[in-house]
């Protein structure tokens, strides 16, 4: 009988601790990625069949993603910045899997995941800073102004 009471007390205690631990752990805040503006077919290098650039805000940073579509593949440059300060930039490129069928949604073949290549840009180089400024110039001042305020 005492053993049964001990088991019940022990189970109650463990359960209470479990619930307390869950309620005492800090909750993780999820910040959504908010699209501020999207532009299509801007004058940019390298020349592509088509391109798109999206300005988005996440928490206290903004991000520009520029994707160029070429005959044999596609490349996406990601530029992250806080206020006017470029924090990081890189490109990710893929070749198309030309043996795959054309996808209805994108009107392009699938990308070949094995062809992925990544280039990290040196954000301190003047040419990189100039490319960033040129890319920013394609967005409206009001959209960019939203990146100046802290979230």
N, C-alpha and C. Protein backbone atom coordinates (compact mmCIF):
# COMPACT_ATOMS: atom_id res chain seq x y z
N UNK A 1 0.83 -1.18 0.00
CA UNK A 1 0.00 0.00 0.00
C UNK A 1 0.87 1.25 0.00
N UNK A 2 1.91 1.24 0.86
CA UNK A 2 2.81 2.39 0.91
C UNK A 2 3.55 2.54 -0.41
N UNK A 3 3.86 1.42 -1.05
CA UNK A 3 4.54 1.46 -2.35
C UNK A 3 3.66 2.11 -3.40
N UNK A 4 2.35 1.81 -3.38
CA UNK A 4 1.42 2.39 -4.34
C UNK A 4 1.30 3.90 -4.11
N UNK A 5 1.22 4.32 -2.86
CA UNK A 5 1.14 5.74 -2.54
C UNK A 5 2.42 6.47 -2.96
N UNK A 6 3.56 5.81 -2.74
CA UNK A 6 4.83 6.42 -3.16
C UNK A 6 4.88 6.58 -4.68
N UNK A 7 4.43 5.58 -5.44
CA UNK A 7 4.43 5.65 -6.89
C UNK A 7 3.51 6.77 -7.37
N UNK A 8 2.35 6.89 -6.74
CA UNK A 8 1.41 7.95 -7.12
C UNK A 8 2.00 9.32 -6.83
N UNK A 9 2.59 9.48 -5.66
CA UNK A 9 3.22 10.75 -5.29
C UNK A 9 4.37 11.08 -6.23
N UNK A 10 5.19 10.07 -6.54
CA UNK A 10 6.33 10.27 -7.43
C UNK A 10 5.86 10.67 -8.83
N UNK A 11 4.84 9.99 -9.36
CA UNK A 11 4.31 10.31 -10.69
C UNK A 11 3.74 11.72 -10.72
N UNK A 12 3.03 12.11 -9.66
CA UNK A 12 2.47 13.46 -9.58
C UNK A 12 3.58 14.50 -9.56
N UNK A 13 4.62 14.23 -8.79
CA UNK A 13 5.74 15.16 -8.68
C UNK A 13 6.46 15.31 -10.02
N UNK A 14 6.74 14.21 -10.70
CA UNK A 14 7.43 14.25 -12.00
C UNK A 14 6.58 14.98 -13.04
N UNK A 15 5.30 14.71 -13.06
CA UNK A 15 4.41 15.38 -14.01
C UNK A 15 4.37 16.88 -13.75
N UNK A 16 4.29 17.27 -12.49
CA UNK A 16 4.27 18.69 -12.13
C UNK A 16 5.56 19.38 -12.56
N UNK A 17 6.69 18.73 -12.33
CA UNK A 17 7.96 19.30 -12.76
C UNK A 17 8.02 19.45 -14.27
N UNK A 18 7.50 18.47 -14.97
CA UNK A 18 7.49 18.54 -16.43
C UNK A 18 6.68 19.72 -16.94
N UNK A 19 5.49 19.92 -16.37
CA UNK A 19 4.67 21.05 -16.78
C UNK A 19 5.32 22.37 -16.39
N UNK A 20 5.93 22.41 -15.20
CA UNK A 20 6.61 23.64 -14.76
C UNK A 20 7.78 23.98 -15.67
N UNK A 21 8.53 22.96 -16.07
CA UNK A 21 9.69 23.19 -16.93
C UNK A 21 9.24 23.75 -18.27
N UNK A 22 8.15 23.21 -18.80
CA UNK A 22 7.66 23.70 -20.09
C UNK A 22 7.18 25.13 -19.99
N UNK A 23 6.54 25.49 -18.89
CA UNK A 23 6.01 26.84 -18.77
C UNK A 23 7.09 27.84 -18.39
N UNK A 24 8.21 27.38 -17.85
CA UNK A 24 9.28 28.29 -17.45
C UNK A 24 10.32 28.52 -18.53
N UNK A 25 10.35 27.64 -19.54
CA UNK A 25 11.31 27.82 -20.63
C UNK A 25 10.94 29.05 -21.43
N UNK A 26 11.92 29.84 -21.85
CA UNK A 26 11.59 31.03 -22.63
C UNK A 26 10.99 30.61 -23.97
N UNK A 27 9.98 31.34 -24.38
CA UNK A 27 9.36 31.04 -25.66
C UNK A 27 10.18 31.70 -26.77
N UNK A 28 10.20 31.06 -27.90
CA UNK A 28 10.97 31.58 -29.02
C UNK A 28 10.03 32.39 -29.91
N UNK A 29 10.39 33.64 -30.14
CA UNK A 29 9.58 34.50 -30.97
C UNK A 29 9.91 34.24 -32.43
N UNK A 30 8.88 34.09 -33.22
CA UNK A 30 9.06 33.88 -34.66
C UNK A 30 8.80 35.21 -35.36
N UNK A 31 9.78 35.65 -36.12
CA UNK A 31 9.64 36.90 -36.86
C UNK A 31 9.38 36.57 -38.32
N UNK A 32 8.30 37.06 -38.86
CA UNK A 32 8.01 36.74 -40.26
C UNK A 32 8.89 37.54 -41.22
N UNK A 33 9.11 36.99 -42.38
CA UNK A 33 9.81 37.67 -43.44
C UNK A 33 8.74 38.43 -44.23
N UNK A 34 8.84 39.74 -44.24
CA UNK A 34 7.84 40.58 -44.88
C UNK A 34 8.38 41.13 -46.19
N UNK A 35 7.69 40.86 -47.28
CA UNK A 35 8.09 41.40 -48.57
C UNK A 35 7.69 42.87 -48.64
N UNK A 36 8.66 43.73 -48.93
CA UNK A 36 8.41 45.16 -49.02
C UNK A 36 8.17 45.60 -50.46
N UNK A 37 8.91 44.99 -51.39
CA UNK A 37 8.74 45.34 -52.81
C UNK A 37 9.41 44.27 -53.66
N UNK A 38 8.84 44.06 -54.85
CA UNK A 38 9.45 43.15 -55.81
C UNK A 38 9.50 43.85 -57.16
N UNK A 39 10.64 43.72 -57.84
CA UNK A 39 10.80 44.31 -59.17
C UNK A 39 11.25 43.21 -60.14
N UNK A 40 10.89 43.40 -61.41
CA UNK A 40 11.18 42.39 -62.43
C UNK A 40 12.04 42.99 -63.54
N UNK A 41 12.88 42.16 -64.10
CA UNK A 41 13.66 42.49 -65.30
C UNK A 41 14.36 43.84 -65.21
N UNK A 42 15.15 44.00 -64.17
CA UNK A 42 15.91 45.23 -63.99
C UNK A 42 17.21 45.14 -64.81
N UNK A 43 17.79 46.27 -65.08
CA UNK A 43 19.06 46.31 -65.78
C UNK A 43 20.16 45.96 -64.79
N UNK A 44 20.70 44.76 -64.93
CA UNK A 44 21.70 44.30 -63.96
C UNK A 44 22.68 43.35 -64.64
N UNK A 45 23.81 43.20 -64.01
CA UNK A 45 24.84 42.26 -64.47
C UNK A 45 24.86 41.06 -63.55
N UNK A 46 25.06 39.90 -64.03
CA UNK A 46 25.20 39.56 -65.44
C UNK A 46 23.85 39.58 -66.15
N UNK A 47 23.89 39.79 -67.44
CA UNK A 47 22.67 39.82 -68.24
C UNK A 47 22.00 38.46 -68.19
N UNK A 48 20.70 38.46 -68.10
CA UNK A 48 19.95 37.22 -68.00
C UNK A 48 18.73 37.30 -68.92
N UNK A 49 18.12 36.14 -69.18
CA UNK A 49 16.88 36.11 -69.95
C UNK A 49 15.79 36.87 -69.22
N UNK A 50 15.74 36.69 -67.92
CA UNK A 50 14.78 37.37 -67.07
C UNK A 50 15.40 37.42 -65.67
N UNK A 51 14.89 38.33 -64.85
CA UNK A 51 15.38 38.39 -63.48
C UNK A 51 14.30 38.98 -62.58
N UNK A 52 14.45 38.78 -61.31
CA UNK A 52 13.56 39.39 -60.33
C UNK A 52 14.37 39.72 -59.08
N UNK A 53 13.95 40.76 -58.41
CA UNK A 53 14.61 41.17 -57.16
C UNK A 53 13.53 41.46 -56.14
N UNK A 54 13.74 40.95 -54.93
CA UNK A 54 12.76 41.14 -53.85
C UNK A 54 13.45 41.76 -52.65
N UNK A 55 12.84 42.83 -52.14
CA UNK A 55 13.29 43.47 -50.92
C UNK A 55 12.38 43.00 -49.80
N UNK A 56 12.97 42.39 -48.76
CA UNK A 56 12.19 41.85 -47.64
C UNK A 56 12.79 42.33 -46.33
N UNK A 57 11.96 42.33 -45.30
CA UNK A 57 12.43 42.71 -43.97
C UNK A 57 12.20 41.54 -43.02
N UNK A 58 13.20 41.30 -42.17
CA UNK A 58 13.13 40.26 -41.16
C UNK A 58 13.70 40.84 -39.87
N UNK A 59 12.87 40.94 -38.87
CA UNK A 59 13.30 41.43 -37.58
C UNK A 59 13.96 42.80 -37.75
N UNK A 60 15.27 42.90 -37.50
CA UNK A 60 15.95 44.19 -37.59
C UNK A 60 16.84 44.29 -38.81
N UNK A 61 16.63 43.42 -39.78
CA UNK A 61 17.45 43.41 -41.00
C UNK A 61 16.56 43.41 -42.23
N UNK A 62 17.18 43.79 -43.34
CA UNK A 62 16.51 43.67 -44.62
C UNK A 62 17.35 42.78 -45.52
N UNK A 63 16.70 42.26 -46.55
CA UNK A 63 17.37 41.35 -47.47
C UNK A 63 16.88 41.64 -48.88
N UNK A 64 17.82 41.67 -49.79
CA UNK A 64 17.49 41.72 -51.21
C UNK A 64 17.91 40.39 -51.81
N UNK A 65 16.98 39.74 -52.48
CA UNK A 65 17.32 38.53 -53.23
C UNK A 65 17.10 38.83 -54.69
N UNK A 66 18.16 38.66 -55.45
CA UNK A 66 18.14 38.92 -56.88
C UNK A 66 18.40 37.60 -57.60
N UNK A 67 17.45 37.17 -58.42
CA UNK A 67 17.59 35.91 -59.14
C UNK A 67 17.59 36.19 -60.63
N UNK A 68 18.63 35.68 -61.29
CA UNK A 68 18.74 35.77 -62.74
C UNK A 68 18.53 34.39 -63.34
N UNK A 69 17.75 34.36 -64.43
CA UNK A 69 17.45 33.10 -65.12
C UNK A 69 18.18 33.09 -66.45
N UNK A 70 19.01 32.08 -66.65
CA UNK A 70 19.83 31.96 -67.85
C UNK A 70 19.39 30.74 -68.65
N UNK A 71 19.95 30.56 -69.85
CA UNK A 71 19.58 29.40 -70.67
C UNK A 71 19.86 28.09 -69.94
N UNK A 72 21.01 28.00 -69.27
CA UNK A 72 21.42 26.73 -68.68
C UNK A 72 21.22 26.62 -67.19
N UNK A 73 20.70 27.68 -66.53
CA UNK A 73 20.53 27.60 -65.09
C UNK A 73 20.07 28.91 -64.49
N UNK A 74 20.22 29.02 -63.19
CA UNK A 74 19.81 30.24 -62.50
C UNK A 74 20.75 30.52 -61.33
N UNK A 75 20.79 31.79 -60.96
CA UNK A 75 21.66 32.21 -59.88
C UNK A 75 20.91 33.21 -59.01
N UNK A 76 21.03 33.05 -57.69
CA UNK A 76 20.39 33.97 -56.75
C UNK A 76 21.45 34.60 -55.87
N UNK A 77 21.45 35.92 -55.87
CA UNK A 77 22.32 36.68 -54.97
C UNK A 77 21.49 37.10 -53.78
N UNK A 78 22.04 36.95 -52.59
CA UNK A 78 21.36 37.38 -51.36
C UNK A 78 22.23 38.45 -50.71
N UNK A 79 21.62 39.59 -50.44
CA UNK A 79 22.29 40.73 -49.83
C UNK A 79 21.55 41.07 -48.55
N UNK A 80 22.18 40.91 -47.40
CA UNK A 80 21.56 41.22 -46.12
C UNK A 80 22.19 42.48 -45.55
N UNK A 81 21.33 43.38 -45.07
CA UNK A 81 21.84 44.63 -44.53
C UNK A 81 20.98 45.10 -43.37
N UNK A 82 21.60 45.93 -42.55
CA UNK A 82 20.95 46.50 -41.38
C UNK A 82 21.15 48.00 -41.48
N UNK A 83 20.05 48.74 -41.49
CA UNK A 83 20.09 50.17 -41.78
C UNK A 83 20.72 50.29 -43.18
N UNK A 84 21.84 50.96 -43.33
CA UNK A 84 22.52 51.05 -44.64
C UNK A 84 23.78 50.19 -44.68
N UNK A 85 24.02 49.40 -43.65
CA UNK A 85 25.27 48.64 -43.56
C UNK A 85 25.09 47.23 -44.09
N UNK A 86 25.85 46.90 -45.11
CA UNK A 86 25.83 45.56 -45.68
C UNK A 86 26.47 44.60 -44.69
N UNK A 87 25.75 43.54 -44.31
CA UNK A 87 26.24 42.58 -43.32
C UNK A 87 26.82 41.32 -43.96
N UNK A 88 26.18 40.84 -45.03
CA UNK A 88 26.72 39.69 -45.75
C UNK A 88 26.07 39.61 -47.11
N UNK A 89 26.78 38.97 -48.02
CA UNK A 89 26.28 38.81 -49.38
C UNK A 89 26.90 37.56 -49.99
N UNK A 90 26.09 36.84 -50.73
CA UNK A 90 26.58 35.62 -51.38
C UNK A 90 25.68 35.29 -52.56
N UNK A 91 26.18 34.43 -53.44
CA UNK A 91 25.35 33.96 -54.55
C UNK A 91 25.32 32.44 -54.52
N UNK A 92 24.24 31.91 -55.04
CA UNK A 92 24.03 30.47 -55.11
C UNK A 92 23.55 30.18 -56.53
N UNK A 93 24.27 29.33 -57.23
CA UNK A 93 23.95 29.05 -58.63
C UNK A 93 23.68 27.57 -58.85
N UNK A 94 22.79 27.31 -59.79
CA UNK A 94 22.43 25.93 -60.16
C UNK A 94 22.33 25.84 -61.68
N UNK A 95 22.71 24.70 -62.20
CA UNK A 95 22.47 24.38 -63.60
C UNK A 95 21.13 23.68 -63.69
N UNK A 96 20.43 23.85 -64.81
CA UNK A 96 19.18 23.14 -65.01
C UNK A 96 19.46 21.69 -65.36
N UNK A 97 18.58 20.82 -64.92
CA UNK A 97 18.60 19.41 -65.31
C UNK A 97 17.79 19.35 -66.61
N UNK A 98 18.49 19.44 -67.73
CA UNK A 98 17.82 19.54 -69.03
C UNK A 98 17.10 18.25 -69.43
N UNK A 99 17.34 17.16 -68.70
CA UNK A 99 16.62 15.92 -68.99
C UNK A 99 15.27 15.87 -68.27
N UNK A 100 15.02 16.82 -67.36
CA UNK A 100 13.74 16.85 -66.64
C UNK A 100 12.71 17.61 -67.47
N UNK A 101 11.44 17.28 -67.27
CA UNK A 101 10.39 18.00 -68.02
C UNK A 101 10.27 19.45 -67.53
N UNK A 102 9.72 20.29 -68.37
CA UNK A 102 9.47 21.69 -68.01
C UNK A 102 8.38 21.70 -66.93
N UNK A 103 8.63 22.42 -65.85
CA UNK A 103 7.65 22.52 -64.77
C UNK A 103 6.58 23.53 -65.15
N UNK A 104 5.34 23.18 -64.92
CA UNK A 104 4.23 24.05 -65.31
C UNK A 104 4.26 25.39 -64.57
N UNK A 105 4.58 25.38 -63.29
CA UNK A 105 4.55 26.60 -62.49
C UNK A 105 5.63 27.59 -62.88
N UNK A 106 6.82 27.10 -63.21
CA UNK A 106 7.94 27.99 -63.49
C UNK A 106 8.30 28.10 -64.96
N UNK A 107 7.80 27.18 -65.76
CA UNK A 107 8.12 27.11 -67.19
C UNK A 107 9.62 26.91 -67.41
N UNK A 108 10.27 26.23 -66.48
CA UNK A 108 11.70 25.93 -66.56
C UNK A 108 11.91 24.48 -66.14
N UNK A 109 13.04 23.89 -66.58
CA UNK A 109 13.36 22.55 -66.05
C UNK A 109 13.73 22.65 -64.57
N UNK A 110 13.80 21.52 -63.91
CA UNK A 110 14.24 21.49 -62.52
C UNK A 110 15.72 21.84 -62.46
N UNK A 111 16.14 22.38 -61.29
CA UNK A 111 17.57 22.61 -61.10
C UNK A 111 18.22 21.31 -60.66
N UNK A 112 19.47 21.15 -61.03
CA UNK A 112 20.25 19.98 -60.64
C UNK A 112 20.92 20.32 -59.31
N UNK A 113 20.48 19.71 -58.22
CA UNK A 113 21.02 20.02 -56.89
C UNK A 113 22.51 19.74 -56.79
N UNK A 114 23.01 18.79 -57.57
CA UNK A 114 24.44 18.46 -57.53
C UNK A 114 25.30 19.55 -58.17
N UNK A 115 24.68 20.45 -58.93
CA UNK A 115 25.45 21.49 -59.61
C UNK A 115 25.58 22.76 -58.77
N UNK A 116 25.09 22.74 -57.56
CA UNK A 116 25.08 23.93 -56.69
C UNK A 116 26.49 24.46 -56.47
N UNK A 117 26.62 25.77 -56.64
CA UNK A 117 27.88 26.43 -56.30
C UNK A 117 27.54 27.71 -55.54
N UNK A 118 28.35 28.00 -54.53
CA UNK A 118 28.12 29.16 -53.68
C UNK A 118 29.36 30.04 -53.71
N UNK A 119 29.13 31.33 -53.83
CA UNK A 119 30.22 32.31 -53.78
C UNK A 119 29.88 33.32 -52.69
N UNK A 120 30.78 33.49 -51.75
CA UNK A 120 30.60 34.49 -50.70
C UNK A 120 31.33 35.75 -51.15
N UNK A 121 30.62 36.87 -51.13
CA UNK A 121 31.20 38.13 -51.56
C UNK A 121 31.96 38.79 -50.41
N UNK A 122 33.07 39.43 -50.73
CA UNK A 122 33.82 40.22 -49.75
C UNK A 122 33.13 41.58 -49.67
N UNK A 123 32.34 41.78 -48.63
CA UNK A 123 31.51 42.99 -48.53
C UNK A 123 32.32 44.27 -48.29
N UNK A 124 33.62 44.13 -48.10
CA UNK A 124 34.46 45.31 -47.89
C UNK A 124 35.08 45.82 -49.19
N UNK A 125 34.92 45.07 -50.26
CA UNK A 125 35.48 45.48 -51.55
C UNK A 125 34.60 46.58 -52.18
N UNK A 126 35.21 47.63 -52.71
CA UNK A 126 34.44 48.72 -53.32
C UNK A 126 33.49 48.25 -54.43
N UNK A 127 33.92 47.31 -55.25
CA UNK A 127 33.06 46.83 -56.35
C UNK A 127 31.79 46.17 -55.80
N UNK A 128 31.93 45.42 -54.74
CA UNK A 128 30.77 44.75 -54.11
C UNK A 128 29.84 45.80 -53.52
N UNK A 129 30.40 46.80 -52.84
CA UNK A 129 29.59 47.88 -52.28
C UNK A 129 28.85 48.64 -53.38
N UNK A 130 29.52 48.87 -54.50
CA UNK A 130 28.88 49.56 -55.63
C UNK A 130 27.75 48.71 -56.22
N UNK A 131 27.95 47.41 -56.34
CA UNK A 131 26.89 46.52 -56.85
C UNK A 131 25.68 46.54 -55.92
N UNK A 132 25.94 46.55 -54.63
CA UNK A 132 24.86 46.61 -53.66
C UNK A 132 24.07 47.92 -53.79
N UNK A 133 24.77 49.02 -53.89
CA UNK A 133 24.11 50.32 -54.03
C UNK A 133 23.29 50.38 -55.32
N UNK A 134 23.83 49.83 -56.40
CA UNK A 134 23.11 49.82 -57.68
C UNK A 134 21.85 48.97 -57.57
N UNK A 135 21.95 47.84 -56.91
CA UNK A 135 20.78 46.98 -56.73
C UNK A 135 19.72 47.68 -55.87
N UNK A 136 20.14 48.35 -54.82
CA UNK A 136 19.20 49.09 -53.96
C UNK A 136 18.46 50.17 -54.75
N UNK A 137 19.13 50.76 -55.73
CA UNK A 137 18.53 51.88 -56.48
C UNK A 137 17.30 51.47 -57.28
N UNK A 138 17.07 50.18 -57.45
CA UNK A 138 15.90 49.71 -58.19
C UNK A 138 14.65 49.64 -57.32
N UNK A 139 14.80 49.90 -56.03
CA UNK A 139 13.65 49.86 -55.12
C UNK A 139 13.23 51.27 -54.76
N UNK A 140 11.96 51.42 -54.43
CA UNK A 140 11.44 52.74 -54.11
C UNK A 140 12.03 53.25 -52.80
N UNK A 141 12.18 54.58 -52.69
CA UNK A 141 12.68 55.16 -51.44
C UNK A 141 11.80 54.80 -50.24
N UNK A 142 10.49 54.70 -50.44
CA UNK A 142 9.60 54.38 -49.31
C UNK A 142 9.81 52.94 -48.84
N UNK A 143 10.06 52.01 -49.75
CA UNK A 143 10.33 50.62 -49.36
C UNK A 143 11.65 50.53 -48.62
N UNK A 144 12.67 51.21 -49.15
CA UNK A 144 13.98 51.19 -48.48
C UNK A 144 13.94 51.89 -47.13
N UNK A 145 13.08 52.91 -46.99
CA UNK A 145 12.98 53.63 -45.72
C UNK A 145 12.50 52.71 -44.60
N UNK A 146 11.74 51.69 -44.95
CA UNK A 146 11.28 50.74 -43.93
C UNK A 146 12.45 49.93 -43.35
N UNK A 147 13.54 49.89 -44.09
CA UNK A 147 14.74 49.19 -43.60
C UNK A 147 15.57 50.07 -42.69
N UNK A 148 15.24 51.35 -42.62
CA UNK A 148 16.01 52.26 -41.78
C UNK A 148 15.53 52.23 -40.33
N UNK A 149 14.28 51.82 -40.12
CA UNK A 149 13.76 51.78 -38.77
C UNK A 149 14.07 50.45 -38.14
N UNK A 150 14.31 50.45 -36.85
CA UNK A 150 14.58 49.21 -36.13
C UNK A 150 13.27 48.56 -35.76
N UNK A 151 13.23 47.25 -35.92
CA UNK A 151 12.02 46.51 -35.57
C UNK A 151 11.93 46.30 -34.09
